[in-house]
Amino acid sequence: MFLFIAHSSGKDKSEARFRLAVSPAVCYSAKMTQVRGGDSMKTLMNAVVLIVILVFSACSFYRSQPKMEYYHGQNAPEGYILVEQATETAVIFRILIAFKESHLYHLLLEENEPLAQGWFPTQIVDRARGYTVSLTLKKGLMLEPGKTYRLCIGGQNPEAVQLQSSSYRCLVDHSFVYEER
């Protein structure tokens, strides 16, 4: 940081002299440059080389996420997973399977692409009613009549699995054909 300060020379106040006031850090840096001579150029080159190395090492650690493969799990017996309501942008399932886990990850897939997903509680209070899962599709996506979709219920978030593997194992799988109601 630089600052100009007016300084008067005693007798003649109109004759003000200006001197440059410099922060202590700049003065220290200037003194070090004078002492070391051409070392400032070496320091600058070292800094540039260090930055280049850091950028290259960061790029080498980056891995593009491979496409996740959702492996079919056990098929639910007929009538244990019901499509209660389905629109172009949302599907409501009634699931009558009792799981040990209190929450499971539910995915609505078109072939191998997730259209909707999320964690849902799996606690069943009334055995006849089961539990309900309402999956809303991602923005811009719509279900097509006559097309087959599947519900995949798993124990982990696919993003967490993707850190170690590109395959996701569904515990339970249910396929259905979307039909407008």
Protein backbone atom coordinates (compact mmCIF):
# COMPACT_ATOMS: atom_id res chain seq x y z
CA MET A 1 0.00 0.00 0.00
CA PHE A 2 1.42 3.38 -0.99
CA LEU A 3 0.56 6.75 0.46
CA PHE A 4 1.87 10.23 -0.43
CA ILE A 5 2.45 12.51 2.54
CA ALA A 6 3.08 16.24 2.27
CA HIS A 7 6.02 17.41 4.27
CA SER A 8 6.89 21.09 4.79
CA SER A 9 10.50 22.15 5.26
CA GLY A 10 10.15 24.55 8.13
CA LYS A 11 10.74 28.13 6.82
CA ASP A 12 8.79 28.20 3.59
CA LYS A 13 5.40 26.55 4.03
CA SER A 14 4.51 26.95 0.35
CA GLU A 15 7.33 24.68 -0.61
CA ALA A 16 5.94 21.32 0.41
CA ARG A 17 7.84 18.22 -0.38
CA PHE A 18 6.17 14.92 -0.97
CA ARG A 19 7.54 11.66 0.16
CA LEU A 20 6.32 8.19 -0.38
CA ALA A 21 5.02 6.34 2.64
CA VAL A 22 5.08 2.60 2.20
CA SER A 23 3.62 -0.11 4.40
CA PRO A 24 6.15 -2.05 6.51
CA ALA A 25 5.51 -5.27 4.54
CA VAL A 26 6.44 -3.57 1.26
CA CYS A 27 9.57 -2.08 2.84
CA TYR A 28 10.58 -5.48 4.17
CA SER A 29 9.97 -7.04 0.76
CA ALA A 30 12.01 -4.28 -0.94
CA LYS A 31 14.89 -4.78 1.53
CA MET A 32 14.83 -8.53 0.96
CA THR A 33 14.97 -7.98 -2.81
CA GLN A 34 17.97 -5.71 -2.41
CA VAL A 35 19.75 -8.22 -0.21
CA ARG A 36 18.97 -11.25 -2.37
CA GLY A 37 19.36 -9.54 -5.69
CA GLY A 38 17.81 -11.68 -8.49
CA ASP A 39 16.09 -14.15 -6.13
CA SER A 40 12.71 -12.48 -6.65
CA MET A 41 12.59 -13.83 -10.21
CA LYS A 42 13.37 -17.32 -8.92
CA THR A 43 10.62 -17.01 -6.31
CA LEU A 44 8.14 -15.94 -8.96
CA MET A 45 9.10 -18.88 -11.19
CA ASN A 46 8.83 -21.30 -8.26
CA ALA A 47 5.34 -19.99 -7.50
CA VAL A 48 4.25 -20.42 -11.14
CA VAL A 49 5.68 -23.96 -11.27
CA LEU A 50 3.94 -24.82 -7.98
CA ILE A 51 0.60 -23.56 -9.28
CA VAL A 52 0.99 -25.55 -12.51
CA ILE A 53 1.81 -28.72 -10.53
CA LEU A 54 -1.23 -28.20 -8.27
CA VAL A 55 -3.54 -27.75 -11.26
CA PHE A 56 -2.24 -30.89 -12.97
CA SER A 57 -2.48 -32.94 -9.78
CA ALA A 58 -6.06 -31.74 -9.19
CA CYS A 59 -6.96 -32.77 -12.73
CA SER A 60 -5.41 -36.20 -12.28
CA PHE A 61 -7.54 -36.89 -9.18
CA TYR A 62 -10.77 -35.92 -10.96
CA ARG A 63 -12.75 -38.92 -12.14
CA SER A 64 -15.81 -38.49 -14.25
CA GLN A 65 -18.69 -40.39 -12.74
CA PRO A 66 -19.34 -43.51 -14.78
CA LYS A 67 -22.92 -44.35 -15.61
CA MET A 68 -24.49 -46.24 -12.72
CA GLU A 69 -25.74 -49.77 -13.38
CA TYR A 70 -28.86 -50.59 -11.32
CA TYR A 71 -28.92 -54.36 -10.84
CA HIS A 72 -32.30 -56.00 -10.42
CA GLY A 73 -33.08 -57.09 -6.92
CA GLN A 74 -35.53 -59.68 -5.72
CA ASN A 75 -38.89 -59.33 -7.46
CA ALA A 76 -41.69 -58.55 -5.05
CA PRO A 77 -44.52 -61.10 -4.99
CA GLU A 78 -47.68 -60.13 -6.89
CA GLY A 79 -49.74 -57.59 -4.95
CA TYR A 80 -46.99 -56.52 -2.52
CA ILE A 81 -46.14 -53.35 -4.44
CA LEU A 82 -49.09 -51.49 -5.91
CA VAL A 83 -49.20 -48.38 -8.08
CA GLU A 84 -51.90 -46.42 -6.30
CA GLN A 85 -51.81 -43.36 -8.51
CA ALA A 86 -49.71 -42.35 -11.51
CA THR A 87 -49.57 -39.12 -13.48
CA GLU A 88 -47.07 -37.95 -16.07
CA THR A 89 -44.95 -36.33 -13.36
CA ALA A 90 -45.51 -38.42 -10.20
CA VAL A 91 -46.19 -41.96 -9.02
CA ILE A 92 -47.57 -43.09 -5.67
CA PHE A 93 -46.75 -46.63 -4.56
CA ARG A 94 -48.27 -48.66 -1.73
CA ILE A 95 -45.68 -51.13 -0.44
CA LEU A 96 -46.75 -54.05 1.75
CA ILE A 97 -43.27 -55.49 2.39
CA ALA A 98 -41.89 -55.33 5.94
CA PHE A 99 -38.22 -54.28 5.93
CA LYS A 100 -35.81 -54.39 8.87
CA GLU A 101 -34.42 -50.95 7.93
CA SER A 102 -36.33 -47.89 9.12
CA HIS A 103 -35.54 -45.95 5.90
CA LEU A 104 -34.66 -47.14 2.40
CA TYR A 105 -33.75 -45.38 -0.83
CA HIS A 106 -36.45 -45.60 -3.52
CA LEU A 107 -35.71 -44.97 -7.20
CA LEU A 108 -38.05 -44.77 -10.17
CA LEU A 109 -36.06 -45.93 -13.20
CA GLU A 110 -36.58 -45.85 -16.93
CA GLU A 111 -34.32 -48.67 -18.11
CA ASN A 112 -31.17 -47.54 -16.26
CA GLU A 113 -31.90 -43.82 -15.80
CA PRO A 114 -33.26 -42.50 -12.48
CA LEU A 115 -36.32 -40.32 -13.02
CA ALA A 116 -37.16 -39.79 -9.34
CA GLN A 117 -35.50 -40.83 -6.10
CA GLY A 118 -35.37 -40.29 -2.36
CA TRP A 119 -35.23 -41.71 1.16
CA PHE A 120 -38.54 -42.90 2.59
CA PRO A 121 -39.53 -44.42 5.95
CA THR A 122 -40.46 -48.09 5.68
CA GLN A 123 -42.29 -48.52 8.98
CA ILE A 124 -45.58 -50.33 8.64
CA VAL A 125 -48.19 -49.50 11.27
CA ASP A 126 -51.07 -51.41 9.69
CA ARG A 127 -50.03 -54.59 7.82
CA ALA A 128 -52.97 -54.28 5.42
CA ARG A 129 -52.09 -50.65 4.51
CA GLY A 130 -48.29 -50.95 4.26
CA TYR A 131 -46.41 -47.72 3.66
CA THR A 132 -46.71 -45.14 0.90
CA VAL A 133 -43.99 -43.70 -1.34
CA SER A 134 -44.68 -40.66 -3.51
CA LEU A 135 -42.02 -40.08 -6.15
CA THR A 136 -42.08 -36.87 -8.19
CA LEU A 137 -40.09 -36.86 -11.41
CA LYS A 138 -37.17 -34.49 -11.98
CA LYS A 139 -38.00 -31.23 -13.75
CA GLY A 140 -38.60 -31.63 -17.46
CA LEU A 141 -39.17 -35.40 -17.32
CA MET A 142 -42.50 -37.12 -17.98
CA LEU A 143 -43.76 -40.69 -17.99
CA GLU A 144 -44.91 -42.00 -21.36
CA PRO A 145 -48.05 -44.17 -21.60
CA GLY A 146 -47.35 -47.80 -22.48
CA LYS A 147 -43.71 -47.65 -21.40
CA THR A 148 -42.26 -49.95 -18.72
CA TYR A 149 -40.70 -48.40 -15.61
CA ARG A 150 -39.33 -49.95 -12.46
CA LEU A 151 -39.19 -49.18 -8.78
CA CYS A 152 -35.83 -50.06 -7.22
CA ILE A 153 -35.59 -50.12 -3.42
CA GLY A 154 -32.05 -50.02 -2.07
CA GLY A 155 -30.14 -49.48 1.14
CA GLN A 156 -27.92 -46.58 0.05
CA ASN A 157 -27.97 -43.38 -1.93
CA PRO A 158 -26.53 -44.15 -5.41
CA GLU A 159 -24.22 -41.12 -5.16
CA ALA A 160 -22.55 -42.65 -2.10
CA VAL A 161 -22.18 -46.00 -3.88
CA GLN A 162 -20.75 -44.29 -6.96
CA LEU A 163 -17.66 -43.22 -5.00
CA GLN A 164 -16.51 -46.88 -4.90
CA SER A 165 -18.46 -48.62 -7.65
CA SER A 166 -20.58 -48.09 -10.73
CA SER A 167 -23.09 -50.80 -9.81
CA TYR A 168 -26.06 -50.38 -7.48
CA ARG A 169 -27.82 -53.41 -6.06
CA CYS A 170 -31.57 -53.09 -5.61
CA LEU A 171 -32.91 -55.05 -2.64
CA VAL A 172 -36.39 -55.23 -4.16
CA ASP A 173 -37.46 -54.58 -7.72
CA HIS A 174 -40.90 -53.94 -9.20
CA SER A 175 -41.68 -53.29 -12.87
CA PHE A 176 -44.87 -51.63 -14.07
CA VAL A 177 -46.31 -50.18 -17.27
CA TYR A 178 -47.50 -46.60 -17.01
CA GLU A 179 -51.03 -46.07 -18.20
CA GLU A 180 -52.91 -42.78 -18.00
CA ARG A 181 -55.87 -42.93 -15.64
